[in-house]
Amino acid sequence: MDDDASMCDAIAELVEVLDFRSERFLSALRFLEELEPERFDCLVSDVRMPGMDGFELGRRASAIAPGLPIIFVSSFDDEVTRSQAARVGAAAFLCKPVDADALLENLNAALDRG
């Protein structure tokens, strides 16, 4: 999920190239409206978005679907941002532009795929 449509498409296409299915959401609220336990295997989300940031989205998503792995992506790679991601229980934190190998490794780890 990313509020920037082109970035959202780029990450979703990368996920698909890595042989995973993806659904695109341009707002946190829209994703939460669609979220049900067991519907999604993993959430890949930007950190900074208007309205609701990725961390609040992560907290709310975890309340609806406990155990849902979350991978945050951000242009902001600083200790405060990484610390917030860890507090939300992120499976991973990746920097934009997202490296395909790093995304694949972290998706496999989040989904318990060797």
PDB file of N, CA and C in Angstrom:
ATOM      1  N   MET A   1       0.833  -1.145   0.000  1.00  0.00           N
ATOM      2  CA  MET A   1       0.000   0.000   0.000  1.00  0.00           C
ATOM      3  C   MET A   1       0.893   1.227   0.000  1.00  0.00           C
ATOM      4  N   ASP A   2       0.495   2.181  -0.817  1.00  0.00           N
ATOM      5  CA  ASP A   2       1.221   3.438  -0.896  1.00  0.00           C
ATOM      6  C   ASP A   2       0.239   4.467  -1.413  1.00  0.00           C
ATOM      7  N   ASP A   3       0.298   5.668  -0.881  1.00  0.00           N
ATOM      8  CA  ASP A   3      -0.609   6.718  -1.341  1.00  0.00           C
ATOM      9  C   ASP A   3      -0.213   7.260  -2.713  1.00  0.00           C
ATOM     10  N   ASP A   4       1.005   7.011  -3.140  1.00  0.00           N
ATOM     11  CA  ASP A   4       1.484   7.394  -4.466  1.00  0.00           C
ATOM     12  C   ASP A   4       1.151   6.247  -5.424  1.00  0.00           C
ATOM     13  N   ALA A   5       0.237   6.501  -6.367  1.00  0.00           N
ATOM     14  CA  ALA A   5      -0.248   5.441  -7.251  1.00  0.00           C
ATOM     15  C   ALA A   5       0.882   4.778  -8.030  1.00  0.00           C
ATOM     16  N   SER A   6       1.840   5.549  -8.516  1.00  0.00           N
ATOM     17  CA  SER A   6       2.921   4.942  -9.292  1.00  0.00           C
ATOM     18  C   SER A   6       3.818   4.073  -8.414  1.00  0.00           C
ATOM     19  N   MET A   7       4.077   4.489  -7.189  1.00  0.00           N
ATOM     20  CA  MET A   7       4.876   3.674  -6.269  1.00  0.00           C
ATOM     21  C   MET A   7       4.093   2.422  -5.864  1.00  0.00           C
ATOM     22  N   CYS A   8       2.807   2.583  -5.620  1.00  0.00           N
ATOM     23  CA  CYS A   8       1.960   1.441  -5.273  1.00  0.00           C
ATOM     24  C   CYS A   8       1.989   0.416  -6.398  1.00  0.00           C
ATOM     25  N   ASP A   9       1.850   0.886  -7.635  1.00  0.00           N
ATOM     26  CA  ASP A   9       1.897  -0.022  -8.784  1.00  0.00           C
ATOM     27  C   ASP A   9       3.259  -0.686  -8.909  1.00  0.00           C
ATOM     28  N   ALA A  10       4.319   0.080  -8.710  1.00  0.00           N
ATOM     29  CA  ALA A  10       5.676  -0.467  -8.848  1.00  0.00           C
ATOM     30  C   ALA A  10       5.925  -1.579  -7.826  1.00  0.00           C
ATOM     31  N   ILE A  11       5.540  -1.356  -6.584  1.00  0.00           N
ATOM     32  CA  ILE A  11       5.753  -2.370  -5.553  1.00  0.00           C
ATOM     33  C   ILE A  11       4.863  -3.584  -5.812  1.00  0.00           C
ATOM     34  N   ALA A  12       3.610  -3.345  -6.192  1.00  0.00           N
ATOM     35  CA  ALA A  12       2.704  -4.462  -6.479  1.00  0.00           C
ATOM     36  C   ALA A  12       3.209  -5.283  -7.660  1.00  0.00           C
ATOM     37  N   GLU A  13       3.703  -4.622  -8.687  1.00  0.00           N
ATOM     38  CA  GLU A  13       4.251  -5.348  -9.838  1.00  0.00           C
ATOM     39  C   GLU A  13       5.494  -6.134  -9.455  1.00  0.00           C
ATOM     40  N   LEU A  14       6.324  -5.563  -8.588  1.00  0.00           N
ATOM     41  CA  LEU A  14       7.504  -6.284  -8.120  1.00  0.00           C
ATOM     42  C   LEU A  14       7.082  -7.524  -7.339  1.00  0.00           C
ATOM     43  N   VAL A  15       6.090  -7.395  -6.482  1.00  0.00           N
ATOM     44  CA  VAL A  15       5.570  -8.535  -5.721  1.00  0.00           C
ATOM     45  C   VAL A  15       5.083  -9.622  -6.688  1.00  0.00           C
ATOM     46  N   GLU A  16       4.396  -9.208  -7.748  1.00  0.00           N
ATOM     47  CA  GLU A  16       3.882 -10.166  -8.723  1.00  0.00           C
ATOM     48  C   GLU A  16       5.010 -10.819  -9.519  1.00  0.00           C
ATOM     49  N   VAL A  17       6.027 -10.050  -9.883  1.00  0.00           N
ATOM     50  CA  VAL A  17       7.186 -10.605 -10.592  1.00  0.00           C
ATOM     51  C   VAL A  17       7.880 -11.649  -9.719  1.00  0.00           C
ATOM     52  N   LEU A  18       7.845 -11.446  -8.413  1.00  0.00           N
ATOM     53  CA  LEU A  18       8.451 -12.396  -7.475  1.00  0.00           C
ATOM     54  C   LEU A  18       7.557 -13.612  -7.234  1.00  0.00           C
ATOM     55  N   ASP A  19       6.467 -13.692  -7.988  1.00  0.00           N
ATOM     56  CA  ASP A  19       5.553 -14.838  -7.988  1.00  0.00           C
ATOM     57  C   ASP A  19       4.617 -14.888  -6.783  1.00  0.00           C
ATOM     58  N   PHE A  20       4.196 -13.713  -6.338  1.00  0.00           N
ATOM     59  CA  PHE A  20       3.172 -13.597  -5.307  1.00  0.00           C
ATOM     60  C   PHE A  20       1.988 -12.842  -5.910  1.00  0.00           C
ATOM     61  N   ARG A  21       0.813 -13.068  -5.377  1.00  0.00           N
ATOM     62  CA  ARG A  21      -0.348 -12.271  -5.793  1.00  0.00           C
ATOM     63  C   ARG A  21      -0.354 -10.987  -4.977  1.00  0.00           C
ATOM     64  N   SER A  22      -0.936  -9.937  -5.555  1.00  0.00           N
ATOM     65  CA  SER A  22      -1.023  -8.684  -4.801  1.00  0.00           C
ATOM     66  C   SER A  22      -2.337  -7.980  -5.100  1.00  0.00           C
ATOM     67  N   GLU A  23      -2.754  -7.171  -4.155  1.00  0.00           N
ATOM     68  CA  GLU A  23      -3.882  -6.265  -4.332  1.00  0.00           C
ATOM     69  C   GLU A  23      -3.372  -4.889  -3.964  1.00  0.00           C
ATOM     70  N   ARG A  24      -3.792  -3.896  -4.727  1.00  0.00           N
ATOM     71  CA  ARG A  24      -3.325  -2.530  -4.517  1.00  0.00           C
ATOM     72  C   ARG A  24      -4.374  -1.722  -3.751  1.00  0.00           C
ATOM     73  N   PHE A  25      -3.893  -0.946  -2.796  1.00  0.00           N
ATOM     74  CA  PHE A  25      -4.752  -0.030  -2.046  1.00  0.00           C
ATOM     75  C   PHE A  25      -4.027   1.299  -1.956  1.00  0.00           C
ATOM     76  N   LEU A  26      -4.737   2.377  -2.224  1.00  0.00           N
ATOM     77  CA  LEU A  26      -4.129   3.704  -2.170  1.00  0.00           C
ATOM     78  C   LEU A  26      -4.435   4.435  -0.871  1.00  0.00           C
ATOM     79  N   SER A  27      -5.229   3.813   0.000  1.00  0.00           N
ATOM     80  CA  SER A  27      -5.485   4.443   1.296  1.00  0.00           C
ATOM     81  C   SER A  27      -5.576   3.381   2.377  1.00  0.00           C
ATOM     82  N   ALA A  28      -5.146   3.757   3.552  1.00  0.00           N
ATOM     83  CA  ALA A  28      -5.182   2.856   4.696  1.00  0.00           C
ATOM     84  C   ALA A  28      -6.620   2.485   5.046  1.00  0.00           C
ATOM     85  N   LEU A  29      -7.512   3.457   4.989  1.00  0.00           N
ATOM     86  CA  LEU A  29      -8.911   3.177   5.332  1.00  0.00           C
ATOM     87  C   LEU A  29      -9.524   2.175   4.367  1.00  0.00           C
ATOM     88  N   ARG A  30      -9.215   2.294   3.106  1.00  0.00           N
ATOM     89  CA  ARG A  30      -9.753   1.359   2.114  1.00  0.00           C
ATOM     90  C   ARG A  30      -9.257  -0.064   2.402  1.00  0.00           C
ATOM     91  N   PHE A  31      -7.980  -0.195   2.736  1.00  0.00           N
ATOM     92  CA  PHE A  31      -7.446  -1.510   3.083  1.00  0.00           C
ATOM     93  C   PHE A  31      -8.164  -2.068   4.305  1.00  0.00           C
ATOM     94  N   LEU A  32      -8.330  -1.253   5.335  1.00  0.00           N
ATOM     95  CA  LEU A  32      -8.979  -1.727   6.557  1.00  0.00           C
ATOM     96  C   LEU A  32     -10.430  -2.149   6.305  1.00  0.00           C
ATOM     97  N   GLU A  33     -11.097  -1.469   5.370  1.00  0.00           N
ATOM     98  CA  GLU A  33     -12.467  -1.859   5.015  1.00  0.00           C
ATOM     99  C   GLU A  33     -12.509  -3.259   4.406  1.00  0.00           C
ATOM    100  N   GLU A  34     -11.461  -3.636   3.704  1.00  0.00           N
ATOM    101  CA  GLU A  34     -11.393  -4.933   3.025  1.00  0.00           C
ATOM    102  C   GLU A  34     -10.775  -6.032   3.898  1.00  0.00           C
ATOM    103  N   LEU A  35     -10.119  -5.648   4.970  1.00  0.00           N
ATOM    104  CA  LEU A  35      -9.374  -6.602   5.787  1.00  0.00           C
ATOM    105  C   LEU A  35     -10.294  -7.472   6.630  1.00  0.00           C
ATOM    106  N   GLU A  36     -10.051  -8.763   6.533  1.00  0.00           N
ATOM    107  CA  GLU A  36     -10.705  -9.761   7.372  1.00  0.00           C
ATOM    108  C   GLU A  36      -9.622 -10.748   7.797  1.00  0.00           C
ATOM    109  N   PRO A  37      -9.786 -11.394   8.945  1.00  0.00           N
ATOM    110  CA  PRO A  37      -8.794 -12.401   9.328  1.00  0.00           C
ATOM    111  C   PRO A  37      -8.635 -13.438   8.216  1.00  0.00           C
ATOM    112  N   GLU A  38      -7.399 -13.802   7.926  1.00  0.00           N
ATOM    113  CA  GLU A  38      -7.059 -14.830   6.947  1.00  0.00           C
ATOM    114  C   GLU A  38      -7.226 -14.395   5.487  1.00  0.00           C
ATOM    115  N   ARG A  39      -7.675 -13.161   5.210  1.00  0.00           N
ATOM    116  CA  ARG A  39      -7.859 -12.757   3.806  1.00  0.00           C
ATOM    117  C   ARG A  39      -6.520 -12.487   3.121  1.00  0.00           C
ATOM    118  N   PHE A  40      -5.621 -11.812   3.812  1.00  0.00           N
ATOM    119  CA  PHE A  40      -4.329 -11.464   3.243  1.00  0.00           C
ATOM    120  C   PHE A  40      -3.224 -12.201   3.992  1.00  0.00           C
ATOM    121  N   ASP A  41      -2.155 -12.521   3.268  1.00  0.00           N
ATOM    122  CA  ASP A  41      -1.025 -13.218   3.883  1.00  0.00           C
ATOM    123  C   ASP A  41       0.024 -12.270   4.430  1.00  0.00           C
ATOM    124  N   CYS A  42       0.081 -11.049   3.889  1.00  0.00           N
ATOM    125  CA  CYS A  42       1.098 -10.089   4.293  1.00  0.00           C
ATOM    126  C   CYS A  42       0.661  -8.704   3.847  1.00  0.00           C
ATOM    127  N   LEU A  43       1.052  -7.696   4.602  1.00  0.00           N
ATOM    128  CA  LEU A  43       0.805  -6.308   4.247  1.00  0.00           C
ATOM    129  C   LEU A  43       2.148  -5.646   3.972  1.00  0.00           C
ATOM    130  N   VAL A  44       2.283  -5.058   2.792  1.00  0.00           N
ATOM    131  CA  VAL A  44       3.453  -4.252   2.452  1.00  0.00           C
ATOM    132  C   VAL A  44       2.949  -2.827   2.360  1.00  0.00           C
ATOM    133  N   SER A  45       3.446  -1.958   3.234  1.00  0.00           N
ATOM    134  CA  SER A  45       2.903  -0.607   3.328  1.00  0.00           C
ATOM    135  C   SER A  45       3.980   0.453   3.454  1.00  0.00           C
ATOM    136  N   ASP A  46       3.700   1.579   2.837  1.00  0.00           N
ATOM    137  CA  ASP A  46       4.503   2.775   3.041  1.00  0.00           C
ATOM    138  C   ASP A  46       4.324   3.213   4.494  1.00  0.00           C
ATOM    139  N   VAL A  47       5.241   3.999   4.977  1.00  0.00           N
ATOM    140  CA  VAL A  47       5.153   4.506   6.340  1.00  0.00           C
ATOM    141  C   VAL A  47       4.415   5.837   6.383  1.00  0.00           C
ATOM    142  N   ARG A  48       4.803   6.752   5.530  1.00  0.00           N
ATOM    143  CA  ARG A  48       4.225   8.099   5.562  1.00  0.00           C
ATOM    144  C   ARG A  48       3.171   8.235   4.482  1.00  0.00           C
ATOM    145  N   MET A  49       1.922   8.363   4.962  1.00  0.00           N
ATOM    146  CA  MET A  49       0.780   8.531   4.073  1.00  0.00           C
ATOM    147  C   MET A  49      -0.149   9.556   4.705  1.00  0.00           C
ATOM    148  N   PRO A  50      -0.906  10.271   3.892  1.00  0.00           N
ATOM    149  CA  PRO A  50      -1.849  11.238   4.461  1.00  0.00           C
ATOM    150  C   PRO A  50      -3.010  10.528   5.156  1.00  0.00           C
ATOM    151  N   GLY A  51      -3.546  11.166   6.155  1.00  0.00           N
ATOM    152  CA  GLY A  51      -4.694  10.605   6.857  1.00  0.00           C
ATOM    153  C   GLY A  51      -4.291   9.652   7.962  1.00  0.00           C
ATOM    154  N   MET A  52      -3.752   8.517   7.588  1.00  0.00           N
ATOM    155  CA  MET A  52      -3.328   7.509   8.556  1.00  0.00           C
ATOM    156  C   MET A  52      -1.956   6.994   8.120  1.00  0.00           C
ATOM    157  N   ASP A  53      -0.992   7.104   9.002  1.00  0.00           N
ATOM    158  CA  ASP A  53       0.338   6.617   8.621  1.00  0.00           C
ATOM    159  C   ASP A  53       0.396   5.095   8.703  1.00  0.00           C
ATOM    160  N   GLY A  54       1.465   4.543   8.185  1.00  0.00           N
ATOM    161  CA  GLY A  54       1.621   3.102   8.140  1.00  0.00           C
ATOM    162  C   GLY A  54       1.646   2.453   9.511  1.00  0.00           C
ATOM    163  N   PHE A  55       2.149   3.172  10.501  1.00  0.00           N
ATOM    164  CA  PHE A  55       2.222   2.596  11.841  1.00  0.00           C
ATOM    165  C   PHE A  55       0.833   2.433  12.456  1.00  0.00           C
ATOM    166  N   GLU A  56      -0.006   3.443  12.295  1.00  0.00           N
ATOM    167  CA  GLU A  56      -1.390   3.333  12.782  1.00  0.00           C
ATOM    168  C   GLU A  56      -2.122   2.247  11.996  1.00  0.00           C
ATOM    169  N   LEU A  57      -1.888   2.195  10.701  1.00  0.00           N
ATOM    170  CA  LEU A  57      -2.473   1.135   9.876  1.00  0.00           C
ATOM    171  C   LEU A  57      -2.033  -0.230  10.410  1.00  0.00           C
ATOM    172  N   GLY A  58      -0.766  -0.380  10.726  1.00  0.00           N
ATOM    173  CA  GLY A  58      -0.269  -1.639  11.259  1.00  0.00           C
ATOM    174  C   GLY A  58      -0.941  -2.028  12.554  1.00  0.00           C
ATOM    175  N   ARG A  59      -1.113  -1.062  13.445  1.00  0.00           N
ATOM    176  CA  ARG A  59      -1.775  -1.348  14.721  1.00  0.00           C
ATOM    177  C   ARG A  59      -3.225  -1.792  14.498  1.00  0.00           C
ATOM    178  N   ARG A  60      -3.928  -1.067  13.641  1.00  0.00           N
ATOM    179  CA  ARG A  60      -5.335  -1.415  13.387  1.00  0.00           C
ATOM    180  C   ARG A  60      -5.460  -2.743  12.648  1.00  0.00           C
ATOM    181  N   ALA A  61      -4.576  -2.977  11.694  1.00  0.00           N
ATOM    182  CA  ALA A  61      -4.612  -4.231  10.947  1.00  0.00           C
ATOM    183  C   ALA A  61      -4.343  -5.406  11.885  1.00  0.00           C
ATOM    184  N   SER A  62      -3.410  -5.246  12.797  1.00  0.00           N
ATOM    185  CA  SER A  62      -3.090  -6.317  13.744  1.00  0.00           C
ATOM    186  C   SER A  62      -4.258  -6.630  14.673  1.00  0.00           C
ATOM    187  N   ALA A  63      -5.064  -5.620  14.978  1.00  0.00           N
ATOM    188  CA  ALA A  63      -6.239  -5.843  15.816  1.00  0.00           C
ATOM    189  C   ALA A  63      -7.303  -6.658  15.074  1.00  0.00           C
ATOM    190  N   ILE A  64      -7.394  -6.459  13.772  1.00  0.00           N
ATOM    191  CA  ILE A  64      -8.382  -7.176  12.960  1.00  0.00           C
ATOM    192  C   ILE A  64      -7.864  -8.552  12.567  1.00  0.00           C
ATOM    193  N   ALA A  65      -6.604  -8.608  12.178  1.00  0.00           N
ATOM    194  CA  ALA A  65      -6.002  -9.860  11.696  1.00  0.00           C
ATOM    195  C   ALA A  65      -4.700 -10.117  12.454  1.00  0.00           C
ATOM    196  N   PRO A  66      -4.808 -10.589  13.686  1.00  0.00           N
ATOM    197  CA  PRO A  66      -3.601 -10.849  14.476  1.00  0.00           C
ATOM    198  C   PRO A  66      -2.663 -11.798  13.738  1.00  0.00           C
ATOM    199  N   GLY A  67      -1.391 -11.494  13.801  1.00  0.00           N
ATOM    200  CA  GLY A  67      -0.408 -12.344  13.145  1.00  0.00           C
ATOM    201  C   GLY A  67      -0.133 -11.987  11.700  1.00  0.00           C
ATOM    202  N   LEU A  68      -0.851 -11.012  11.154  1.00  0.00           N
ATOM    203  CA  LEU A  68      -0.608 -10.585   9.778  1.00  0.00           C
ATOM    204  C   LEU A  68       0.783  -9.961   9.696  1.00  0.00           C
ATOM    205  N   PRO A  69       1.689 -10.545   8.922  1.00  0.00           N
ATOM    206  CA  PRO A  69       3.026  -9.946   8.802  1.00  0.00           C
ATOM    207  C   PRO A  69       2.944  -8.601   8.078  1.00  0.00           C
ATOM    208  N   ILE A  70       3.732  -7.659   8.548  1.00  0.00           N
ATOM    209  CA  ILE A  70       3.757  -6.325   7.944  1.00  0.00           C
ATOM    210  C   ILE A  70       5.184  -5.998   7.545  1.00  0.00           C
ATOM    211  N   ILE A  71       5.340  -5.602   6.297  1.00  0.00           N
ATOM    212  CA  ILE A  71       6.626  -5.130   5.795  1.00  0.00           C
ATOM    213  C   ILE A  71       6.446  -3.654   5.461  1.00  0.00           C
ATOM    214  N   PHE A  72       7.198  -2.816   6.146  1.00  0.00           N
ATOM    215  CA  PHE A  72       7.138  -1.381   5.878  1.00  0.00           C
ATOM    216  C   PHE A  72       8.202  -0.995   4.872  1.00  0.00           C
ATOM    217  N   VAL A  73       7.846  -0.064   3.998  1.00  0.00           N
ATOM    218  CA  VAL A  73       8.798   0.529   3.068  1.00  0.00           C
ATOM    219  C   VAL A  73       8.747   2.036   3.257  1.00  0.00           C
ATOM    220  N   SER A  74       9.900   2.661   3.162  1.00  0.00           N
ATOM    221  CA  SER A  74       9.938   4.104   3.391  1.00  0.00           C
ATOM    222  C   SER A  74      11.156   4.733   2.736  1.00  0.00           C
ATOM    223  N   SER A  75      11.001   5.987   2.394  1.00  0.00           N
ATOM    224  CA  SER A  75      12.137   6.788   1.922  1.00  0.00           C
ATOM    225  C   SER A  75      12.942   7.307   3.101  1.00  0.00           C
ATOM    226  N   PHE A  76      12.352   7.218   4.286  1.00  0.00           N
ATOM    227  CA  PHE A  76      12.973   7.755   5.484  1.00  0.00           C
ATOM    228  C   PHE A  76      13.616   6.618   6.264  1.00  0.00           C
ATOM    229  N   ASP A  77      14.940   6.563   6.225  1.00  0.00           N
ATOM    230  CA  ASP A  77      15.677   5.502   6.905  1.00  0.00           C
ATOM    231  C   ASP A  77      16.443   6.110   8.072  1.00  0.00           C
ATOM    232  N   ASP A  78      15.738   6.255   9.177  1.00  0.00           N
ATOM    233  CA  ASP A  78      16.383   6.790  10.370  1.00  0.00           C
ATOM    234  C   ASP A  78      15.992   5.927  11.565  1.00  0.00           C
ATOM    235  N   GLU A  79      16.703   6.095  12.647  1.00  0.00           N
ATOM    236  CA  GLU A  79      16.489   5.265  13.825  1.00  0.00           C
ATOM    237  C   GLU A  79      15.085   5.413  14.398  1.00  0.00           C
ATOM    238  N   VAL A  80      14.530   6.606  14.380  1.00  0.00           N
ATOM    239  CA  VAL A  80      13.187   6.825  14.922  1.00  0.00           C
ATOM    240  C   VAL A  80      12.156   6.035  14.118  1.00  0.00           C
ATOM    241  N   THR A  81      12.245   6.108  12.791  1.00  0.00           N
ATOM    242  CA  THR A  81      11.299   5.405  11.929  1.00  0.00           C
ATOM    243  C   THR A  81      11.440   3.892  12.089  1.00  0.00           C
ATOM    244  N   ARG A  82      12.680   3.414  12.104  1.00  0.00           N
ATOM    245  CA  ARG A  82      12.902   1.974  12.289  1.00  0.00           C
ATOM    246  C   ARG A  82      12.406   1.510  13.668  1.00  0.00           C
ATOM    247  N   SER A  83      12.596   2.331  14.680  1.00  0.00           N
ATOM    248  CA  SER A  83      12.145   1.990  16.020  1.00  0.00           C
ATOM    249  C   SER A  83      10.617   1.912  16.081  1.00  0.00           C
ATOM    250  N   GLN A  84       9.942   2.850  15.430  1.00  0.00           N
ATOM    251  CA  GLN A  84       8.478   2.813  15.386  1.00  0.00           C
ATOM    252  C   GLN A  84       7.987   1.562  14.671  1.00  0.00           C
ATOM    253  N   ALA A  85       8.654   1.199  13.585  1.00  0.00           N
ATOM    254  CA  ALA A  85       8.277  -0.008  12.847  1.00  0.00           C
ATOM    255  C   ALA A  85       8.421  -1.234  13.738  1.00  0.00           C
ATOM    256  N   ALA A  86       9.497  -1.296  14.485  1.00  0.00           N
ATOM    257  CA  ALA A  86       9.726  -2.426  15.384  1.00  0.00           C
ATOM    258  C   ALA A  86       8.655  -2.490  16.465  1.00  0.00           C
ATOM    259  N   ARG A  87       8.265  -1.337  17.004  1.00  0.00           N
ATOM    260  CA  ARG A  87       7.232  -1.313  18.049  1.00  0.00           C
ATOM    261  C   ARG A  87       5.884  -1.810  17.537  1.00  0.00           C
ATOM    262  N   VAL A  88       5.609  -1.588  16.255  1.00  0.00           N
ATOM    263  CA  VAL A  88       4.362  -2.070  15.659  1.00  0.00           C
ATOM    264  C   VAL A  88       4.454  -3.569  15.379  1.00  0.00           C
ATOM    265  N   GLY A  89       5.656  -4.111  15.405  1.00  0.00           N
ATOM    266  CA  GLY A  89       5.841  -5.541  15.172  1.00  0.00           C
ATOM    267  C   GLY A  89       6.125  -5.878  13.725  1.00  0.00           C
ATOM    268  N   ALA A  90       6.750  -4.960  13.020  1.00  0.00           N
ATOM    269  CA  ALA A  90       7.042  -5.174  11.603  1.00  0.00           C
ATOM    270  C   ALA A  90       7.910  -6.409  11.398  1.00  0.00           C
ATOM    271  N   ALA A  91       7.575  -7.170  10.368  1.00  0.00           N
ATOM    272  CA  ALA A  91       8.398  -8.302   9.974  1.00  0.00           C
ATOM    273  C   ALA A  91       9.673  -7.812   9.311  1.00  0.00           C
ATOM    274  N   ALA A  92       9.588  -6.633   8.676  1.00  0.00           N
ATOM    275  CA  ALA A  92      10.748  -6.063   7.993  1.00  0.00           C
ATOM    276  C   ALA A  92      10.533  -4.580   7.746  1.00  0.00           C
ATOM    277  N   PHE A  93      11.639  -3.889   7.530  1.00  0.00           N
ATOM    278  CA  PHE A  93      11.628  -2.479   7.170  1.00  0.00           C
ATOM    279  C   PHE A  93      12.587  -2.327   5.990  1.00  0.00           C
ATOM    280  N   LEU A  94      12.063  -1.912   4.848  1.00  0.00           N
ATOM    281  CA  LEU A  94      12.876  -1.753   3.642  1.00  0.00           C
ATOM    282  C   LEU A  94      12.857  -0.307   3.179  1.00  0.00           C
ATOM    283  N   CYS A  95      13.955   0.099   2.592  1.00  0.00           N
ATOM    284  CA  CYS A  95      14.070   1.468   2.082  1.00  0.00           C
ATOM    285  C   CYS A  95      13.708   1.527   0.607  1.00  0.00           C
ATOM    286  N   LYS A  96      13.086   2.635   0.230  1.00  0.00           N
ATOM    287  CA  LYS A  96      12.803   2.896  -1.182  1.00  0.00           C
ATOM    288  C   LYS A  96      14.067   3.448  -1.816  1.00  0.00           C
ATOM    289  N   PRO A  97      14.366   3.123  -3.049  1.00  0.00           N
ATOM    290  CA  PRO A  97      13.641   2.157  -3.873  1.00  0.00           C
ATOM    291  C   PRO A  97      13.853   0.745  -3.345  1.00  0.00           C
ATOM    292  N   VAL A  98      12.801  -0.042  -3.410  1.00  0.00           N
ATOM    293  CA  VAL A  98      12.823  -1.384  -2.838  1.00  0.00           C
ATOM    294  C   VAL A  98      13.658  -2.313  -3.714  1.00  0.00           C
ATOM    295  N   ASP A  99      14.603  -2.991  -3.086  1.00  0.00           N
ATOM    296  CA  ASP A  99      15.448  -3.968  -3.755  1.00  0.00           C
ATOM    297  C   ASP A  99      14.685  -5.282  -3.891  1.00  0.00           C
ATOM    298  N   ALA A 100      14.616  -5.817  -5.104  1.00  0.00           N
ATOM    299  CA  ALA A 100      13.844  -7.034  -5.367  1.00  0.00           C
ATOM    300  C   ALA A 100      14.318  -8.213  -4.518  1.00  0.00           C
ATOM    301  N   ASP A 101      15.622  -8.395  -4.403  1.00  0.00           N
ATOM    302  CA  ASP A 101      16.143  -9.521  -3.614  1.00  0.00           C
ATOM    303  C   ASP A 101      15.786  -9.386  -2.140  1.00  0.00           C
ATOM    304  N   ALA A 102      15.882  -8.167  -1.617  1.00  0.00           N
ATOM    305  CA  ALA A 102      15.536  -7.939  -0.216  1.00  0.00           C
ATOM    306  C   ALA A 102      14.046  -8.159   0.015  1.00  0.00           C
ATOM    307  N   LEU A 103      13.219  -7.708  -0.926  1.00  0.00           N
ATOM    308  CA  LEU A 103      11.779  -7.920  -0.785  1.00  0.00           C
ATOM    309  C   LEU A 103      11.452  -9.406  -0.824  1.00  0.00           C
ATOM    310  N   LEU A 104      12.030 -10.126  -1.759  1.00  0.00           N
ATOM    311  CA  LEU A 104      11.786 -11.566  -1.856  1.00  0.00           C
ATOM    312  C   LEU A 104      12.204 -12.281  -0.575  1.00  0.00           C
ATOM    313  N   GLU A 105      13.387 -11.974  -0.086  1.00  0.00           N
ATOM    314  CA  GLU A 105      13.875 -12.596   1.142  1.00  0.00           C
ATOM    315  C   GLU A 105      12.937 -12.320   2.314  1.00  0.00           C
ATOM    316  N   ASN A 106      12.497 -11.080   2.432  1.00  0.00           N
ATOM    317  CA  ASN A 106      11.633 -10.721   3.556  1.00  0.00           C
ATOM    318  C   ASN A 106      10.205 -11.244   3.402  1.00  0.00           C
ATOM    319  N   LEU A 107       9.699 -11.311   2.177  1.00  0.00           N
ATOM    320  CA  LEU A 107       8.383 -11.937   1.965  1.00  0.00           C
ATOM    321  C   LEU A 107       8.447 -13.412   2.328  1.00  0.00           C
ATOM    322  N   ASN A 108       9.467 -14.097   1.858  1.00  0.00           N
ATOM    323  CA  ASN A 108       9.615 -15.518   2.188  1.00  0.00           C
ATOM    324  C   ASN A 108       9.730 -15.729   3.691  1.00  0.00           C
ATOM    325  N   ALA A 109      10.497 -14.900   4.364  1.00  0.00           N
ATOM    326  CA  ALA A 109      10.649 -15.024   5.815  1.00  0.00           C
ATOM    327  C   ALA A 109       9.328 -14.733   6.524  1.00  0.00           C
ATOM    328  N   ALA A 110       8.624 -13.693   6.097  1.00  0.00           N
ATOM    329  CA  ALA A 110       7.358 -13.328   6.727  1.00  0.00           C
ATOM    330  C   ALA A 110       6.308 -14.411   6.539  1.00  0.00           C
ATOM    331  N   LEU A 111       6.379 -15.085   5.404  1.00  0.00           N
ATOM    332  CA  LEU A 111       5.394 -16.121   5.092  1.00  0.00           C
ATOM    333  C   LEU A 111       5.904 -17.520   5.423  1.00  0.00           C
ATOM    334  N   ASP A 112       7.036 -17.590   6.099  1.00  0.00           N
ATOM    335  CA  ASP A 112       7.643 -18.870   6.488  1.00  0.00           C
ATOM    336  C   ASP A 112       7.903 -19.783   5.299  1.00  0.00           C
ATOM    337  N   ARG A 113       8.387 -19.162   4.228  1.00  0.00           N
ATOM    338  CA  ARG A 113       8.760 -19.939   3.041  1.00  0.00           C
ATOM    339  C   ARG A 113      10.277 -19.915   2.940  1.00  0.00           C
ATOM    340  N   GLY A 114      10.908 -21.055   2.943  1.00  0.00           N
ATOM    341  CA  GLY A 114      12.355 -21.140   2.911  1.00  0.00           C
ATOM    342  C   GLY A 114      12.920 -20.669   1.628  1.00  0.00           C
TER     343      GLY A 114
END
